[in-house]
Amino acid sequence: MFWKKVKPGSDQLKDPDILDTHDCENQREAFRYVFDEKERITVRFLDKTVSVTDISAGGISFINKGFSRYDADHIQLDLDIPKYLGSTLFSALVRILFISRDQICHCIFENCTIEQYEMLHRYVLELQKKRLRNRPHDPAH
């Protein structure tokens, strides 16, 4: 956990129940892959094809097509993971936690196994590595 730091000499007591949520948000961002618009993958959710905006081991976001908060469906993704031993087919129950003003459904994966979480972490890592390989290099560095 990330505890809120107290400056030396401060009159504040060190309260273990106070979390520094800013650090938690930054930590979450590090393990999420945000797709460029042209590279987005699609998935079927409640009989509609939706465009995925980002993915992490904890969940997925996609463009809303008339869904409601807490809608859920079983999805399947064939993850492109180079040199992965075994099947890269990912299957899970997805539930919409909230829909943002810009009509993005923010969802969680429910009841995943440790192996599924590890596969998603590996997928996100591979996407990040691919993006780094393909970005233009600055010749000055």
N, C-alpha and C. Protein backbone atom coordinates (compact mmCIF):
# COMPACT_ATOMS: atom_id res chain seq x y z
N MET A 1 0.83 -1.17 0.00
CA MET A 1 0.00 0.00 0.00
C MET A 1 0.88 1.24 0.00
N PHE A 2 0.30 2.35 -0.40
CA PHE A 2 1.02 3.60 -0.43
C PHE A 2 0.46 4.48 0.68
N TRP A 3 1.27 4.73 1.69
CA TRP A 3 0.83 5.54 2.81
C TRP A 3 1.18 6.98 2.54
N LYS A 4 0.36 7.85 3.02
CA LYS A 4 0.62 9.28 2.86
C LYS A 4 1.83 9.64 3.71
N LYS A 5 2.81 10.28 3.11
CA LYS A 5 4.03 10.64 3.81
C LYS A 5 3.80 11.90 4.64
N VAL A 6 4.40 11.92 5.81
CA VAL A 6 4.32 13.07 6.69
C VAL A 6 5.70 13.71 6.72
N LYS A 7 5.76 15.01 6.52
CA LYS A 7 7.03 15.72 6.52
C LYS A 7 7.61 15.74 7.93
N PRO A 8 8.94 15.61 8.05
CA PRO A 8 9.56 15.68 9.38
C PRO A 8 9.21 17.01 10.05
N GLY A 9 8.94 16.93 11.35
CA GLY A 9 8.59 18.14 12.10
C GLY A 9 7.13 18.51 11.98
N SER A 10 6.35 17.75 11.21
CA SER A 10 4.94 18.05 11.04
C SER A 10 4.16 17.64 12.27
N ASP A 11 3.08 18.35 12.54
CA ASP A 11 2.23 18.02 13.68
C ASP A 11 1.26 16.88 13.35
N GLN A 12 1.23 16.47 12.07
CA GLN A 12 0.31 15.40 11.66
C GLN A 12 0.76 14.08 12.25
N LEU A 13 -0.19 13.30 12.67
CA LEU A 13 0.11 11.94 13.12
C LEU A 13 0.18 11.03 11.91
N LYS A 14 0.98 10.00 11.99
CA LYS A 14 1.05 9.03 10.91
C LYS A 14 -0.17 8.12 11.02
N ASP A 15 -1.13 8.34 10.17
CA ASP A 15 -2.37 7.58 10.18
C ASP A 15 -2.33 6.55 9.07
N PRO A 16 -2.28 5.22 9.42
CA PRO A 16 -2.19 4.20 8.39
C PRO A 16 -3.46 4.07 7.55
N ASP A 17 -4.53 4.74 7.93
CA ASP A 17 -5.77 4.66 7.16
C ASP A 17 -5.82 5.71 6.05
N ILE A 18 -4.84 6.63 6.02
CA ILE A 18 -4.83 7.67 4.99
C ILE A 18 -3.97 7.19 3.83
N LEU A 19 -4.57 7.08 2.68
CA LEU A 19 -3.84 6.67 1.48
C LEU A 19 -3.55 7.86 0.61
N ASP A 20 -2.40 7.85 0.01
CA ASP A 20 -2.08 8.88 -0.98
C ASP A 20 -2.60 8.37 -2.32
N THR A 21 -3.82 8.74 -2.67
CA THR A 21 -4.45 8.20 -3.87
C THR A 21 -3.75 8.66 -5.14
N HIS A 22 -3.05 9.77 -5.09
CA HIS A 22 -2.32 10.23 -6.28
C HIS A 22 -1.28 9.19 -6.69
N ASP A 23 -0.54 8.65 -5.72
CA ASP A 23 0.44 7.61 -6.02
C ASP A 23 -0.23 6.37 -6.57
N CYS A 24 -1.38 6.00 -6.05
CA CYS A 24 -2.09 4.81 -6.52
C CYS A 24 -2.54 4.99 -7.97
N GLU A 25 -3.02 6.18 -8.31
CA GLU A 25 -3.46 6.43 -9.68
C GLU A 25 -2.28 6.34 -10.64
N ASN A 26 -1.14 6.89 -10.26
CA ASN A 26 0.04 6.81 -11.12
C ASN A 26 0.50 5.37 -11.27
N GLN A 27 0.42 4.59 -10.22
CA GLN A 27 0.82 3.19 -10.28
C GLN A 27 -0.09 2.43 -11.26
N ARG A 28 -1.39 2.69 -11.21
CA ARG A 28 -2.34 2.02 -12.09
C ARG A 28 -2.01 2.33 -13.55
N GLU A 29 -1.69 3.56 -13.83
CA GLU A 29 -1.42 4.00 -15.19
C GLU A 29 -0.23 3.27 -15.80
N ALA A 30 0.73 2.88 -14.97
CA ALA A 30 1.95 2.25 -15.46
C ALA A 30 1.68 0.89 -16.08
N PHE A 31 0.61 0.22 -15.70
CA PHE A 31 0.34 -1.13 -16.16
C PHE A 31 -0.85 -1.20 -17.11
N ARG A 32 -1.27 -0.08 -17.61
CA ARG A 32 -2.41 -0.01 -18.53
C ARG A 32 -1.88 0.40 -19.89
N TYR A 33 -2.38 -0.25 -20.94
CA TYR A 33 -1.98 0.12 -22.28
C TYR A 33 -3.14 0.84 -22.95
N VAL A 34 -2.89 2.06 -23.40
CA VAL A 34 -3.89 2.85 -24.11
C VAL A 34 -3.60 2.74 -25.60
N PHE A 35 -4.57 2.20 -26.32
CA PHE A 35 -4.40 2.01 -27.76
C PHE A 35 -4.50 3.33 -28.50
N ASP A 36 -3.65 3.50 -29.51
CA ASP A 36 -3.83 4.60 -30.45
C ASP A 36 -5.12 4.29 -31.21
N GLU A 37 -5.77 5.31 -31.71
CA GLU A 37 -7.06 5.10 -32.39
C GLU A 37 -6.94 4.11 -33.56
N LYS A 38 -5.85 4.17 -34.30
CA LYS A 38 -5.70 3.31 -35.48
C LYS A 38 -5.32 1.86 -35.14
N GLU A 39 -4.88 1.59 -33.92
CA GLU A 39 -4.46 0.24 -33.55
C GLU A 39 -5.46 -0.49 -32.63
N ARG A 40 -6.59 0.12 -32.38
CA ARG A 40 -7.56 -0.47 -31.45
C ARG A 40 -8.05 -1.83 -31.92
N ILE A 41 -8.22 -2.70 -30.94
CA ILE A 41 -8.79 -4.02 -31.22
C ILE A 41 -10.29 -3.95 -30.94
N THR A 42 -11.02 -4.94 -31.41
CA THR A 42 -12.46 -4.99 -31.16
C THR A 42 -12.80 -6.25 -30.39
N VAL A 43 -13.93 -6.21 -29.71
CA VAL A 43 -14.42 -7.34 -28.95
C VAL A 43 -15.95 -7.31 -29.00
N ARG A 44 -16.56 -8.46 -28.85
CA ARG A 44 -18.03 -8.54 -28.81
C ARG A 44 -18.48 -8.43 -27.37
N PHE A 45 -19.40 -7.48 -27.12
CA PHE A 45 -19.97 -7.28 -25.79
C PHE A 45 -21.46 -7.10 -25.96
N LEU A 46 -22.25 -7.97 -25.34
CA LEU A 46 -23.71 -7.94 -25.44
C LEU A 46 -24.17 -7.83 -26.90
N ASP A 47 -23.61 -8.69 -27.72
CA ASP A 47 -23.96 -8.82 -29.14
C ASP A 47 -23.63 -7.60 -29.99
N LYS A 48 -22.74 -6.74 -29.50
CA LYS A 48 -22.29 -5.59 -30.28
C LYS A 48 -20.77 -5.61 -30.35
N THR A 49 -20.23 -5.21 -31.49
CA THR A 49 -18.78 -5.09 -31.64
C THR A 49 -18.37 -3.73 -31.13
N VAL A 50 -17.44 -3.73 -30.15
CA VAL A 50 -16.99 -2.48 -29.55
C VAL A 50 -15.48 -2.31 -29.76
N SER A 51 -15.06 -1.06 -29.81
CA SER A 51 -13.66 -0.70 -30.01
C SER A 51 -12.99 -0.49 -28.65
N VAL A 52 -11.94 -1.27 -28.38
CA VAL A 52 -11.24 -1.23 -27.10
C VAL A 52 -10.30 -0.03 -27.07
N THR A 53 -10.43 0.80 -26.03
CA THR A 53 -9.58 1.99 -25.90
C THR A 53 -8.35 1.73 -25.04
N ASP A 54 -8.47 0.85 -24.04
CA ASP A 54 -7.32 0.48 -23.23
C ASP A 54 -7.57 -0.84 -22.52
N ILE A 55 -6.46 -1.44 -22.02
CA ILE A 55 -6.54 -2.74 -21.37
C ILE A 55 -5.47 -2.82 -20.29
N SER A 56 -5.78 -3.55 -19.24
CA SER A 56 -4.82 -3.86 -18.18
C SER A 56 -5.20 -5.23 -17.64
N ALA A 57 -4.42 -5.73 -16.70
CA ALA A 57 -4.75 -7.02 -16.10
C ALA A 57 -6.04 -6.93 -15.29
N GLY A 58 -6.41 -5.74 -14.88
CA GLY A 58 -7.62 -5.58 -14.08
C GLY A 58 -8.88 -5.32 -14.86
N GLY A 59 -8.74 -4.86 -16.09
CA GLY A 59 -9.95 -4.55 -16.83
C GLY A 59 -9.68 -3.99 -18.21
N ILE A 60 -10.76 -3.50 -18.79
CA ILE A 60 -10.75 -3.06 -20.18
C ILE A 60 -11.70 -1.87 -20.29
N SER A 61 -11.44 -1.00 -21.25
CA SER A 61 -12.35 0.11 -21.54
C SER A 61 -12.68 0.07 -23.01
N PHE A 62 -13.92 0.45 -23.33
CA PHE A 62 -14.33 0.48 -24.72
C PHE A 62 -15.39 1.54 -24.93
N ILE A 63 -15.60 1.87 -26.19
CA ILE A 63 -16.57 2.90 -26.56
C ILE A 63 -17.99 2.38 -26.33
N ASN A 64 -18.79 3.20 -25.66
CA ASN A 64 -20.16 2.83 -25.32
C ASN A 64 -21.04 2.75 -26.56
N LYS A 65 -21.84 1.70 -26.61
CA LYS A 65 -22.83 1.55 -27.69
C LYS A 65 -24.20 1.29 -27.08
N GLY A 66 -24.57 2.17 -26.15
CA GLY A 66 -25.90 2.07 -25.54
C GLY A 66 -25.96 1.17 -24.31
N PHE A 67 -24.82 0.87 -23.70
CA PHE A 67 -24.80 0.01 -22.52
C PHE A 67 -25.10 0.82 -21.26
N SER A 68 -25.34 0.09 -20.18
CA SER A 68 -25.62 0.71 -18.88
C SER A 68 -24.61 0.24 -17.84
N ARG A 69 -24.49 1.03 -16.79
CA ARG A 69 -23.62 0.67 -15.67
C ARG A 69 -24.02 -0.71 -15.14
N TYR A 70 -23.04 -1.53 -14.85
CA TYR A 70 -23.16 -2.89 -14.31
C TYR A 70 -23.58 -3.93 -15.34
N ASP A 71 -23.77 -3.54 -16.61
CA ASP A 71 -23.98 -4.56 -17.64
C ASP A 71 -22.76 -5.48 -17.63
N ALA A 72 -23.00 -6.76 -17.90
CA ALA A 72 -21.89 -7.72 -17.90
C ALA A 72 -22.08 -8.72 -19.04
N ASP A 73 -20.96 -9.22 -19.53
CA ASP A 73 -20.98 -10.23 -20.59
C ASP A 73 -19.66 -10.97 -20.58
N HIS A 74 -19.69 -12.15 -21.11
CA HIS A 74 -18.49 -12.97 -21.25
C HIS A 74 -17.83 -12.58 -22.58
N ILE A 75 -16.54 -12.22 -22.53
CA ILE A 75 -15.83 -11.83 -23.75
C ILE A 75 -14.69 -12.79 -24.03
N GLN A 76 -14.20 -12.75 -25.27
CA GLN A 76 -13.01 -13.52 -25.66
C GLN A 76 -12.09 -12.63 -26.46
N LEU A 77 -10.80 -12.72 -26.16
CA LEU A 77 -9.78 -12.00 -26.90
C LEU A 77 -8.66 -12.98 -27.24
N ASP A 78 -8.18 -12.95 -28.47
CA ASP A 78 -7.00 -13.73 -28.82
C ASP A 78 -5.83 -12.77 -28.75
N LEU A 79 -5.06 -12.87 -27.67
CA LEU A 79 -3.98 -11.93 -27.41
C LEU A 79 -2.75 -12.27 -28.23
N ASP A 80 -2.18 -11.28 -28.88
CA ASP A 80 -0.99 -11.47 -29.70
C ASP A 80 0.24 -11.35 -28.80
N ILE A 81 0.72 -12.50 -28.30
CA ILE A 81 1.87 -12.52 -27.40
C ILE A 81 2.97 -13.36 -28.03
N PRO A 82 4.02 -12.73 -28.54
CA PRO A 82 5.11 -13.48 -29.17
C PRO A 82 5.77 -14.45 -28.19
N LYS A 83 6.14 -15.63 -28.67
CA LYS A 83 6.87 -16.64 -27.91
C LYS A 83 6.15 -17.10 -26.64
N TYR A 84 4.83 -16.99 -26.63
CA TYR A 84 4.06 -17.42 -25.47
C TYR A 84 3.77 -18.91 -25.60
N LEU A 85 4.09 -19.67 -24.59
CA LEU A 85 3.83 -21.10 -24.61
C LEU A 85 2.39 -21.35 -24.18
N GLY A 86 1.64 -22.02 -25.01
CA GLY A 86 0.25 -22.30 -24.69
C GLY A 86 -0.70 -21.40 -25.44
N SER A 87 -1.96 -21.55 -25.14
CA SER A 87 -3.01 -20.78 -25.81
C SER A 87 -3.00 -19.33 -25.35
N THR A 88 -3.20 -18.42 -26.29
CA THR A 88 -3.30 -17.00 -25.96
C THR A 88 -4.75 -16.52 -25.99
N LEU A 89 -5.68 -17.46 -26.00
CA LEU A 89 -7.10 -17.11 -25.98
C LEU A 89 -7.48 -16.73 -24.55
N PHE A 90 -7.93 -15.50 -24.38
CA PHE A 90 -8.34 -14.99 -23.08
C PHE A 90 -9.85 -14.89 -23.06
N SER A 91 -10.44 -15.42 -22.01
CA SER A 91 -11.88 -15.43 -21.88
C SER A 91 -12.23 -15.04 -20.44
N ALA A 92 -13.17 -14.09 -20.28
CA ALA A 92 -13.53 -13.64 -18.93
C ALA A 92 -14.87 -12.93 -18.93
N LEU A 93 -15.44 -12.83 -17.75
CA LEU A 93 -16.64 -12.03 -17.54
C LEU A 93 -16.19 -10.58 -17.36
N VAL A 94 -16.80 -9.68 -18.11
CA VAL A 94 -16.49 -8.25 -18.04
C VAL A 94 -17.73 -7.53 -17.53
N ARG A 95 -17.51 -6.63 -16.54
CA ARG A 95 -18.61 -5.85 -15.99
C ARG A 95 -18.27 -4.36 -16.07
N ILE A 96 -19.24 -3.57 -16.56
CA ILE A 96 -19.06 -2.12 -16.65
C ILE A 96 -19.20 -1.53 -15.24
N LEU A 97 -18.17 -0.83 -14.78
CA LEU A 97 -18.23 -0.17 -13.48
C LEU A 97 -18.77 1.24 -13.59
N PHE A 98 -18.36 1.96 -14.62
CA PHE A 98 -18.92 3.28 -14.86
C PHE A 98 -18.72 3.67 -16.32
N ILE A 99 -19.51 4.63 -16.74
CA ILE A 99 -19.44 5.15 -18.11
C ILE A 99 -19.11 6.63 -17.99
N SER A 100 -17.97 7.02 -18.56
CA SER A 100 -17.52 8.40 -18.45
C SER A 100 -18.32 9.33 -19.36
N ARG A 101 -18.14 10.61 -19.15
CA ARG A 101 -18.85 11.62 -19.95
C ARG A 101 -18.55 11.50 -21.43
N ASP A 102 -17.32 11.04 -21.75
CA ASP A 102 -16.96 10.89 -23.16
C ASP A 102 -17.39 9.53 -23.72
N GLN A 103 -18.33 8.88 -23.03
CA GLN A 103 -18.96 7.63 -23.47
C GLN A 103 -17.97 6.47 -23.62
N ILE A 104 -17.09 6.35 -22.63
CA ILE A 104 -16.19 5.21 -22.54
C ILE A 104 -16.66 4.35 -21.37
N CYS A 105 -16.86 3.06 -21.62
CA CYS A 105 -17.24 2.10 -20.59
C CYS A 105 -15.97 1.58 -19.93
N HIS A 106 -15.86 1.78 -18.63
CA HIS A 106 -14.71 1.32 -17.86
C HIS A 106 -15.14 0.07 -17.11
N CYS A 107 -14.45 -1.05 -17.42
CA CYS A 107 -14.90 -2.36 -16.96
C CYS A 107 -13.81 -3.10 -16.19
N ILE A 108 -14.25 -4.08 -15.41
CA ILE A 108 -13.31 -4.98 -14.73
C ILE A 108 -13.50 -6.39 -15.26
N PHE A 109 -12.41 -7.17 -15.17
CA PHE A 109 -12.49 -8.60 -15.44
C PHE A 109 -12.86 -9.26 -14.12
N GLU A 110 -13.85 -10.14 -14.14
CA GLU A 110 -14.27 -10.80 -12.92
C GLU A 110 -13.87 -12.28 -12.93
N ASN A 111 -13.47 -12.76 -11.76
CA ASN A 111 -13.18 -14.17 -11.52
C ASN A 111 -12.09 -14.74 -12.43
N CYS A 112 -11.04 -13.97 -12.65
CA CYS A 112 -9.92 -14.46 -13.46
C CYS A 112 -8.98 -15.29 -12.59
N THR A 113 -8.29 -16.21 -13.24
CA THR A 113 -7.28 -17.01 -12.55
C THR A 113 -5.96 -16.25 -12.53
N ILE A 114 -5.04 -16.70 -11.72
CA ILE A 114 -3.70 -16.10 -11.67
C ILE A 114 -3.06 -16.18 -13.05
N GLU A 115 -3.23 -17.30 -13.73
CA GLU A 115 -2.66 -17.49 -15.06
C GLU A 115 -3.21 -16.47 -16.05
N GLN A 116 -4.51 -16.17 -15.95
CA GLN A 116 -5.12 -15.18 -16.84
C GLN A 116 -4.55 -13.79 -16.57
N TYR A 117 -4.40 -13.43 -15.29
CA TYR A 117 -3.81 -12.14 -14.95
C TYR A 117 -2.38 -12.04 -15.47
N GLU A 118 -1.62 -13.11 -15.31
CA GLU A 118 -0.24 -13.12 -15.80
C GLU A 118 -0.19 -12.97 -17.32
N MET A 119 -1.11 -13.63 -18.01
CA MET A 119 -1.16 -13.52 -19.46
C MET A 119 -1.48 -12.07 -19.88
N LEU A 120 -2.40 -11.43 -19.18
CA LEU A 120 -2.74 -10.03 -19.49
C LEU A 120 -1.56 -9.10 -19.21
N HIS A 121 -0.85 -9.33 -18.10
CA HIS A 121 0.34 -8.52 -17.81
C HIS A 121 1.36 -8.67 -18.94
N ARG A 122 1.55 -9.89 -19.39
CA ARG A 122 2.51 -10.16 -20.46
C ARG A 122 2.07 -9.47 -21.76
N TYR A 123 0.78 -9.53 -22.06
CA TYR A 123 0.24 -8.88 -23.25
C TYR A 123 0.49 -7.37 -23.22
N VAL A 124 0.19 -6.74 -22.08
CA VAL A 124 0.39 -5.30 -21.94
C VAL A 124 1.87 -4.97 -22.08
N LEU A 125 2.74 -5.76 -21.48
CA LEU A 125 4.18 -5.55 -21.62
C LEU A 125 4.61 -5.64 -23.08
N GLU A 126 4.13 -6.63 -23.81
CA GLU A 126 4.49 -6.79 -25.22
C GLU A 126 4.00 -5.61 -26.06
N LEU A 127 2.80 -5.11 -25.75
CA LEU A 127 2.29 -3.93 -26.47
C LEU A 127 3.18 -2.71 -26.21
N GLN A 128 3.59 -2.54 -24.94
CA GLN A 128 4.46 -1.41 -24.60
C GLN A 128 5.81 -1.52 -25.30
N LYS A 129 6.38 -2.72 -25.33
CA LYS A 129 7.66 -2.93 -26.00
C LYS A 129 7.55 -2.66 -27.50
N LYS A 130 6.45 -3.11 -28.10
CA LYS A 130 6.24 -2.88 -29.53
C LYS A 130 6.15 -1.38 -29.83
N ARG A 131 5.43 -0.65 -28.98
CA ARG A 131 5.31 0.80 -29.17
C ARG A 131 6.68 1.47 -29.08
N LEU A 132 7.49 1.07 -28.13
CA LEU A 132 8.82 1.65 -27.98
C LEU A 132 9.72 1.35 -29.19
N ARG A 133 9.62 0.13 -29.71
CA ARG A 133 10.41 -0.24 -30.89
C ARG A 133 10.01 0.57 -32.11
N ASN A 134 8.75 0.90 -32.24
CA ASN A 134 8.23 1.56 -33.44
C ASN A 134 8.24 3.08 -33.38
N ARG A 135 8.58 3.65 -32.25
CA ARG A 135 8.57 5.11 -32.18
C ARG A 135 9.83 5.67 -32.83
N PRO A 136 9.74 6.86 -33.40
CA PRO A 136 10.92 7.47 -34.04
C PRO A 136 11.99 7.77 -32.99
N HIS A 137 13.23 7.55 -33.38
CA HIS A 137 14.34 7.81 -32.48
C HIS A 137 14.92 9.20 -32.75
N ASP A 138 15.28 9.90 -31.70
CA ASP A 138 15.88 11.21 -31.82
C ASP A 138 17.38 11.03 -32.07
N PRO A 139 17.89 11.44 -33.24
CA PRO A 139 19.31 11.24 -33.55
C PRO A 139 20.23 12.04 -32.65
N ALA A 140 19.71 13.02 -31.94
CA ALA A 140 20.54 13.84 -31.04
C ALA A 140 20.91 13.09 -29.78
N HIS A 141 20.23 11.97 -29.50
CA HIS A 141 20.51 11.22 -28.27
C HIS A 141 21.26 9.97 -28.54
